[in-house]
Amino acid sequence: MATSNSYSAAVQQRREHWREIMRRWGDSGLSQAAFCRRNKLRGGQFSWWKRWLAGIAARGQGQSDAAPPAFVSLKVVQATVADENRLELLLKGERSLLFSAGIDPARLSAIVKALEAPPC
């Protein structure tokens, strides 16, 4: 069964590689798209690993059926006067929207649901 052990070791090594990438992204303060561009990573692959690793973390915490969070916490790295009244929302597929920071939460929720809904 050397092949199985080699495969398991390769899978574990790949997981650790992507965990390190996610850590570096979190430390960078960059948006996902900017981090991927800077590090020559494919956005779709990055998103897949981010969701997959989040699923492992949820299962490890006894939440085996937990869906990935719809929203994640954000940290402001650098804000300019022009940016302080805006909110950027990052969506699936590397899309993003800019809103006034004072947008009504119900309106924002309706917009996100409409954009994230499966096509008709």
N, C-alpha and C. Protein backbone atom coordinates (compact mmCIF):
# COMPACT_ATOMS: atom_id res chain seq x y z
N MET A 1 0.80 -1.20 0.00
CA MET A 1 0.00 0.00 0.00
C MET A 1 0.84 1.26 0.00
N ALA A 2 2.01 1.22 -0.52
CA ALA A 2 2.88 2.39 -0.57
C ALA A 2 2.25 3.49 -1.40
N THR A 3 1.51 3.10 -2.45
CA THR A 3 0.86 4.10 -3.29
C THR A 3 -0.18 4.88 -2.49
N SER A 4 -0.97 4.20 -1.68
CA SER A 4 -1.98 4.87 -0.86
C SER A 4 -1.34 5.83 0.13
N ASN A 5 -0.26 5.39 0.78
CA ASN A 5 0.45 6.26 1.72
C ASN A 5 1.05 7.47 1.02
N SER A 6 1.60 7.25 -0.17
CA SER A 6 2.17 8.36 -0.95
C SER A 6 1.09 9.36 -1.32
N TYR A 7 -0.07 8.83 -1.72
CA TYR A 7 -1.19 9.69 -2.08
C TYR A 7 -1.65 10.50 -0.88
N SER A 8 -1.80 9.84 0.26
CA SER A 8 -2.23 10.53 1.48
C SER A 8 -1.24 11.61 1.89
N ALA A 9 0.04 11.30 1.76
CA ALA A 9 1.07 12.30 2.10
C ALA A 9 1.00 13.48 1.14
N ALA A 10 0.77 13.20 -0.14
CA ALA A 10 0.68 14.28 -1.13
C ALA A 10 -0.54 15.16 -0.86
N VAL A 11 -1.65 14.54 -0.51
CA VAL A 11 -2.87 15.29 -0.21
C VAL A 11 -2.64 16.17 1.02
N GLN A 12 -2.04 15.61 2.04
CA GLN A 12 -1.77 16.38 3.26
C GLN A 12 -0.82 17.54 2.96
N GLN A 13 0.18 17.28 2.15
CA GLN A 13 1.13 18.34 1.80
C GLN A 13 0.42 19.46 1.04
N ARG A 14 -0.47 19.09 0.14
CA ARG A 14 -1.22 20.10 -0.63
C ARG A 14 -2.12 20.92 0.31
N ARG A 15 -2.79 20.26 1.25
CA ARG A 15 -3.62 20.98 2.22
C ARG A 15 -2.79 21.99 3.00
N GLU A 16 -1.64 21.55 3.47
CA GLU A 16 -0.77 22.45 4.24
C GLU A 16 -0.30 23.62 3.39
N HIS A 17 0.01 23.34 2.12
CA HIS A 17 0.42 24.40 1.20
C HIS A 17 -0.67 25.47 1.10
N TRP A 18 -1.92 25.03 0.92
CA TRP A 18 -3.02 25.99 0.78
C TRP A 18 -3.38 26.65 2.11
N ARG A 19 -3.22 25.95 3.21
CA ARG A 19 -3.42 26.61 4.52
C ARG A 19 -2.43 27.75 4.68
N GLU A 20 -1.20 27.52 4.27
CA GLU A 20 -0.18 28.57 4.35
C GLU A 20 -0.53 29.74 3.42
N ILE A 21 -1.02 29.44 2.23
CA ILE A 21 -1.45 30.51 1.32
C ILE A 21 -2.57 31.32 1.95
N MET A 22 -3.54 30.64 2.57
CA MET A 22 -4.66 31.36 3.21
C MET A 22 -4.15 32.22 4.37
N ARG A 23 -3.18 31.71 5.12
CA ARG A 23 -2.61 32.50 6.22
C ARG A 23 -1.93 33.74 5.67
N ARG A 24 -1.14 33.56 4.60
CA ARG A 24 -0.44 34.70 4.00
C ARG A 24 -1.44 35.72 3.45
N TRP A 25 -2.54 35.24 2.85
CA TRP A 25 -3.57 36.15 2.35
C TRP A 25 -4.16 36.96 3.50
N GLY A 26 -4.51 36.27 4.60
CA GLY A 26 -5.07 36.96 5.75
C GLY A 26 -4.13 38.01 6.32
N ASP A 27 -2.85 37.69 6.34
CA ASP A 27 -1.85 38.63 6.86
C ASP A 27 -1.58 39.78 5.91
N SER A 28 -1.87 39.57 4.61
CA SER A 28 -1.52 40.58 3.61
C SER A 28 -2.40 41.81 3.65
N GLY A 29 -3.66 41.64 4.07
CA GLY A 29 -4.58 42.77 4.04
C GLY A 29 -5.11 43.07 2.65
N LEU A 30 -4.74 42.27 1.65
CA LEU A 30 -5.19 42.48 0.28
C LEU A 30 -6.54 41.81 0.07
N SER A 31 -7.27 42.29 -0.93
CA SER A 31 -8.48 41.58 -1.34
C SER A 31 -8.05 40.24 -1.93
N GLN A 32 -8.99 39.33 -2.04
CA GLN A 32 -8.66 38.02 -2.60
C GLN A 32 -8.14 38.19 -4.03
N ALA A 33 -8.82 39.00 -4.82
CA ALA A 33 -8.41 39.20 -6.21
C ALA A 33 -7.00 39.79 -6.30
N ALA A 34 -6.72 40.80 -5.49
CA ALA A 34 -5.40 41.44 -5.52
C ALA A 34 -4.32 40.46 -5.08
N PHE A 35 -4.60 39.67 -4.04
CA PHE A 35 -3.63 38.68 -3.57
C PHE A 35 -3.34 37.65 -4.67
N CYS A 36 -4.40 37.19 -5.34
CA CYS A 36 -4.21 36.20 -6.40
C CYS A 36 -3.40 36.78 -7.55
N ARG A 37 -3.70 38.02 -7.93
CA ARG A 37 -2.93 38.65 -9.01
C ARG A 37 -1.46 38.76 -8.61
N ARG A 38 -1.22 39.26 -7.41
CA ARG A 38 0.16 39.47 -6.95
C ARG A 38 0.95 38.16 -6.89
N ASN A 39 0.26 37.07 -6.53
CA ASN A 39 0.95 35.78 -6.35
C ASN A 39 0.72 34.82 -7.51
N LYS A 40 0.14 35.34 -8.60
CA LYS A 40 -0.09 34.54 -9.81
C LYS A 40 -0.87 33.25 -9.50
N LEU A 41 -1.95 33.41 -8.73
CA LEU A 41 -2.82 32.29 -8.39
C LEU A 41 -4.11 32.41 -9.19
N ARG A 42 -4.72 31.29 -9.54
CA ARG A 42 -6.02 31.31 -10.22
C ARG A 42 -7.10 31.55 -9.18
N GLY A 43 -7.94 32.56 -9.44
CA GLY A 43 -8.98 32.93 -8.49
C GLY A 43 -9.94 31.80 -8.17
N GLY A 44 -10.34 31.04 -9.17
CA GLY A 44 -11.26 29.92 -8.95
C GLY A 44 -10.66 28.85 -8.06
N GLN A 45 -9.39 28.55 -8.29
CA GLN A 45 -8.71 27.55 -7.47
C GLN A 45 -8.58 28.05 -6.03
N PHE A 46 -8.23 29.32 -5.89
CA PHE A 46 -8.10 29.92 -4.56
C PHE A 46 -9.45 29.82 -3.82
N SER A 47 -10.53 30.20 -4.50
CA SER A 47 -11.86 30.15 -3.88
C SER A 47 -12.24 28.74 -3.48
N TRP A 48 -11.93 27.76 -4.33
CA TRP A 48 -12.26 26.38 -4.02
C TRP A 48 -11.55 25.95 -2.74
N TRP A 49 -10.25 26.22 -2.65
CA TRP A 49 -9.49 25.82 -1.47
C TRP A 49 -9.97 26.56 -0.23
N LYS A 50 -10.32 27.82 -0.39
CA LYS A 50 -10.82 28.58 0.76
C LYS A 50 -12.10 27.93 1.30
N ARG A 51 -13.03 27.58 0.42
CA ARG A 51 -14.28 26.92 0.85
C ARG A 51 -13.99 25.54 1.41
N TRP A 52 -13.12 24.79 0.76
CA TRP A 52 -12.83 23.43 1.19
C TRP A 52 -12.18 23.43 2.57
N LEU A 53 -11.21 24.30 2.77
CA LEU A 53 -10.55 24.36 4.08
C LEU A 53 -11.51 24.86 5.17
N ALA A 54 -12.42 25.76 4.80
CA ALA A 54 -13.42 26.22 5.76
C ALA A 54 -14.34 25.06 6.16
N GLY A 55 -14.66 24.19 5.20
CA GLY A 55 -15.48 23.02 5.49
C GLY A 55 -14.79 22.06 6.44
N ILE A 56 -13.49 21.86 6.25
CA ILE A 56 -12.71 21.01 7.15
C ILE A 56 -12.72 21.60 8.56
N ALA A 57 -12.52 22.91 8.64
CA ALA A 57 -12.51 23.56 9.95
C ALA A 57 -13.86 23.42 10.63
N ALA A 58 -14.95 23.57 9.88
CA ALA A 58 -16.29 23.44 10.46
C ALA A 58 -16.54 22.02 10.95
N ARG A 59 -16.13 21.03 10.15
CA ARG A 59 -16.32 19.64 10.57
C ARG A 59 -15.47 19.33 11.79
N GLY A 60 -14.30 19.91 11.86
CA GLY A 60 -13.42 19.69 13.01
C GLY A 60 -13.97 20.28 14.28
N GLN A 61 -14.89 21.22 14.16
CA GLN A 61 -15.51 21.85 15.32
C GLN A 61 -16.88 21.26 15.61
N GLY A 62 -17.16 20.08 15.02
CA GLY A 62 -18.42 19.41 15.29
C GLY A 62 -19.59 19.98 14.52
N GLN A 63 -19.32 20.68 13.43
CA GLN A 63 -20.39 21.28 12.64
C GLN A 63 -20.37 20.66 11.25
N SER A 64 -20.51 19.34 11.17
CA SER A 64 -20.30 18.64 9.92
C SER A 64 -21.23 19.09 8.81
N ASP A 65 -22.43 19.53 9.13
CA ASP A 65 -23.36 19.94 8.09
C ASP A 65 -23.37 21.45 7.88
N ALA A 66 -22.44 22.15 8.50
CA ALA A 66 -22.44 23.61 8.40
C ALA A 66 -22.05 24.05 7.00
N ALA A 67 -22.80 25.01 6.48
CA ALA A 67 -22.47 25.60 5.19
C ALA A 67 -21.41 26.67 5.42
N PRO A 68 -20.61 26.96 4.40
CA PRO A 68 -19.65 28.04 4.56
C PRO A 68 -20.39 29.34 4.89
N PRO A 69 -19.80 30.22 5.65
CA PRO A 69 -20.50 31.44 6.02
C PRO A 69 -20.83 32.29 4.81
N ALA A 70 -22.01 32.90 4.83
CA ALA A 70 -22.41 33.77 3.73
C ALA A 70 -21.57 35.04 3.74
N PHE A 71 -21.21 35.49 4.92
CA PHE A 71 -20.37 36.67 5.05
C PHE A 71 -19.18 36.32 5.92
N VAL A 72 -18.09 36.97 5.68
CA VAL A 72 -16.91 36.77 6.50
C VAL A 72 -16.50 38.11 7.09
N SER A 73 -15.76 38.07 8.18
CA SER A 73 -15.34 39.31 8.80
C SER A 73 -14.35 40.03 7.90
N LEU A 74 -14.37 41.32 7.96
CA LEU A 74 -13.49 42.15 7.15
C LEU A 74 -12.61 42.98 8.06
N LYS A 75 -11.44 43.33 7.58
CA LYS A 75 -10.64 44.27 8.32
C LYS A 75 -10.20 45.36 7.36
N VAL A 76 -10.28 46.59 7.80
CA VAL A 76 -9.87 47.71 6.99
C VAL A 76 -8.37 47.85 7.12
N VAL A 77 -7.69 47.78 6.01
CA VAL A 77 -6.24 47.86 6.03
C VAL A 77 -5.80 49.31 5.88
N GLN A 78 -6.37 49.97 4.92
CA GLN A 78 -6.00 51.37 4.68
C GLN A 78 -7.23 52.04 4.09
N ALA A 79 -7.67 53.07 4.70
CA ALA A 79 -8.83 53.80 4.19
C ALA A 79 -8.41 55.23 3.89
N THR A 80 -8.91 55.72 2.78
CA THR A 80 -8.68 57.12 2.45
C THR A 80 -9.96 57.87 2.74
N VAL A 81 -9.91 59.18 2.70
CA VAL A 81 -11.10 59.98 2.95
C VAL A 81 -12.20 59.60 1.97
N ALA A 82 -11.82 59.37 0.72
CA ALA A 82 -12.81 59.01 -0.29
C ALA A 82 -13.43 57.64 -0.03
N ASP A 83 -12.68 56.73 0.61
CA ASP A 83 -13.15 55.36 0.84
C ASP A 83 -13.94 55.19 2.13
N GLU A 84 -13.82 56.10 3.06
CA GLU A 84 -14.39 55.84 4.39
C GLU A 84 -15.90 55.77 4.40
N ASN A 85 -16.57 56.25 3.39
CA ASN A 85 -18.02 56.19 3.34
C ASN A 85 -18.52 55.14 2.35
N ARG A 86 -17.64 54.21 1.98
CA ARG A 86 -18.02 53.16 1.04
C ARG A 86 -17.78 51.79 1.65
N LEU A 87 -18.55 50.84 1.17
CA LEU A 87 -18.46 49.45 1.60
C LEU A 87 -18.26 48.61 0.35
N GLU A 88 -17.25 47.75 0.34
CA GLU A 88 -17.03 46.85 -0.79
C GLU A 88 -17.47 45.47 -0.37
N LEU A 89 -18.31 44.86 -1.16
CA LEU A 89 -18.83 43.52 -0.90
C LEU A 89 -18.26 42.59 -1.95
N LEU A 90 -17.51 41.57 -1.50
CA LEU A 90 -16.92 40.59 -2.42
C LEU A 90 -17.88 39.42 -2.53
N LEU A 91 -18.20 39.05 -3.77
CA LEU A 91 -19.15 37.98 -4.04
C LEU A 91 -18.44 36.79 -4.66
N LYS A 92 -19.16 35.72 -4.87
CA LYS A 92 -18.62 34.55 -5.54
C LYS A 92 -18.16 34.95 -6.94
N GLY A 93 -17.23 34.18 -7.47
CA GLY A 93 -16.77 34.44 -8.83
C GLY A 93 -15.96 35.70 -8.97
N GLU A 94 -15.34 36.14 -7.88
CA GLU A 94 -14.46 37.31 -7.87
C GLU A 94 -15.18 38.59 -8.29
N ARG A 95 -16.48 38.66 -8.03
CA ARG A 95 -17.21 39.89 -8.29
C ARG A 95 -17.21 40.73 -7.03
N SER A 96 -17.30 42.04 -7.20
CA SER A 96 -17.40 42.91 -6.04
C SER A 96 -18.31 44.07 -6.37
N LEU A 97 -18.94 44.61 -5.34
CA LEU A 97 -19.84 45.75 -5.47
C LEU A 97 -19.44 46.81 -4.45
N LEU A 98 -19.57 48.07 -4.83
CA LEU A 98 -19.33 49.18 -3.92
C LEU A 98 -20.66 49.82 -3.55
N PHE A 99 -20.84 50.07 -2.26
CA PHE A 99 -22.06 50.69 -1.75
C PHE A 99 -21.69 51.83 -0.83
N SER A 100 -22.66 52.69 -0.61
CA SER A 100 -22.52 53.70 0.43
C SER A 100 -22.51 52.95 1.76
N ALA A 101 -21.67 53.36 2.69
CA ALA A 101 -21.58 52.69 3.99
C ALA A 101 -22.91 52.75 4.74
N GLY A 102 -23.78 53.68 4.38
CA GLY A 102 -25.06 53.82 5.06
C GLY A 102 -26.20 53.05 4.41
N ILE A 103 -25.89 52.09 3.53
CA ILE A 103 -26.96 51.35 2.85
C ILE A 103 -27.82 50.60 3.86
N ASP A 104 -29.11 50.55 3.58
CA ASP A 104 -30.05 49.84 4.44
C ASP A 104 -29.72 48.34 4.42
N PRO A 105 -29.53 47.71 5.58
CA PRO A 105 -29.17 46.29 5.62
C PRO A 105 -30.16 45.39 4.88
N ALA A 106 -31.45 45.68 4.96
CA ALA A 106 -32.45 44.86 4.27
C ALA A 106 -32.26 44.97 2.75
N ARG A 107 -31.98 46.16 2.27
CA ARG A 107 -31.75 46.35 0.84
C ARG A 107 -30.50 45.59 0.40
N LEU A 108 -29.43 45.70 1.19
CA LEU A 108 -28.20 44.99 0.87
C LEU A 108 -28.43 43.49 0.85
N SER A 109 -29.17 42.98 1.81
CA SER A 109 -29.49 41.56 1.87
C SER A 109 -30.26 41.11 0.62
N ALA A 110 -31.22 41.91 0.19
CA ALA A 110 -32.00 41.57 -1.00
C ALA A 110 -31.12 41.56 -2.25
N ILE A 111 -30.20 42.51 -2.34
CA ILE A 111 -29.29 42.56 -3.49
C ILE A 111 -28.42 41.32 -3.51
N VAL A 112 -27.84 40.96 -2.37
CA VAL A 112 -26.96 39.80 -2.31
C VAL A 112 -27.74 38.53 -2.67
N LYS A 113 -28.94 38.37 -2.13
CA LYS A 113 -29.75 37.17 -2.45
C LYS A 113 -30.02 37.09 -3.93
N ALA A 114 -30.35 38.22 -4.55
CA ALA A 114 -30.64 38.22 -5.99
C ALA A 114 -29.41 37.86 -6.81
N LEU A 115 -28.25 38.36 -6.41
CA LEU A 115 -27.02 38.10 -7.15
C LEU A 115 -26.50 36.68 -6.95
N GLU A 116 -26.71 36.13 -5.78
CA GLU A 116 -26.18 34.81 -5.47
C GLU A 116 -27.15 33.68 -5.81
N ALA A 117 -28.38 34.02 -6.18
CA ALA A 117 -29.37 33.00 -6.52
C ALA A 117 -28.96 32.28 -7.80
N PRO A 118 -29.32 31.00 -7.90
CA PRO A 118 -29.01 30.29 -9.14
C PRO A 118 -29.79 30.91 -10.31
N PRO A 119 -29.24 30.82 -11.51
CA PRO A 119 -29.94 31.41 -12.66
C PRO A 119 -31.26 30.71 -12.92
N CYS A 120 -32.17 31.42 -13.50
CA CYS A 120 -33.51 30.85 -13.81
C CYS A 120 -33.42 29.79 -14.87
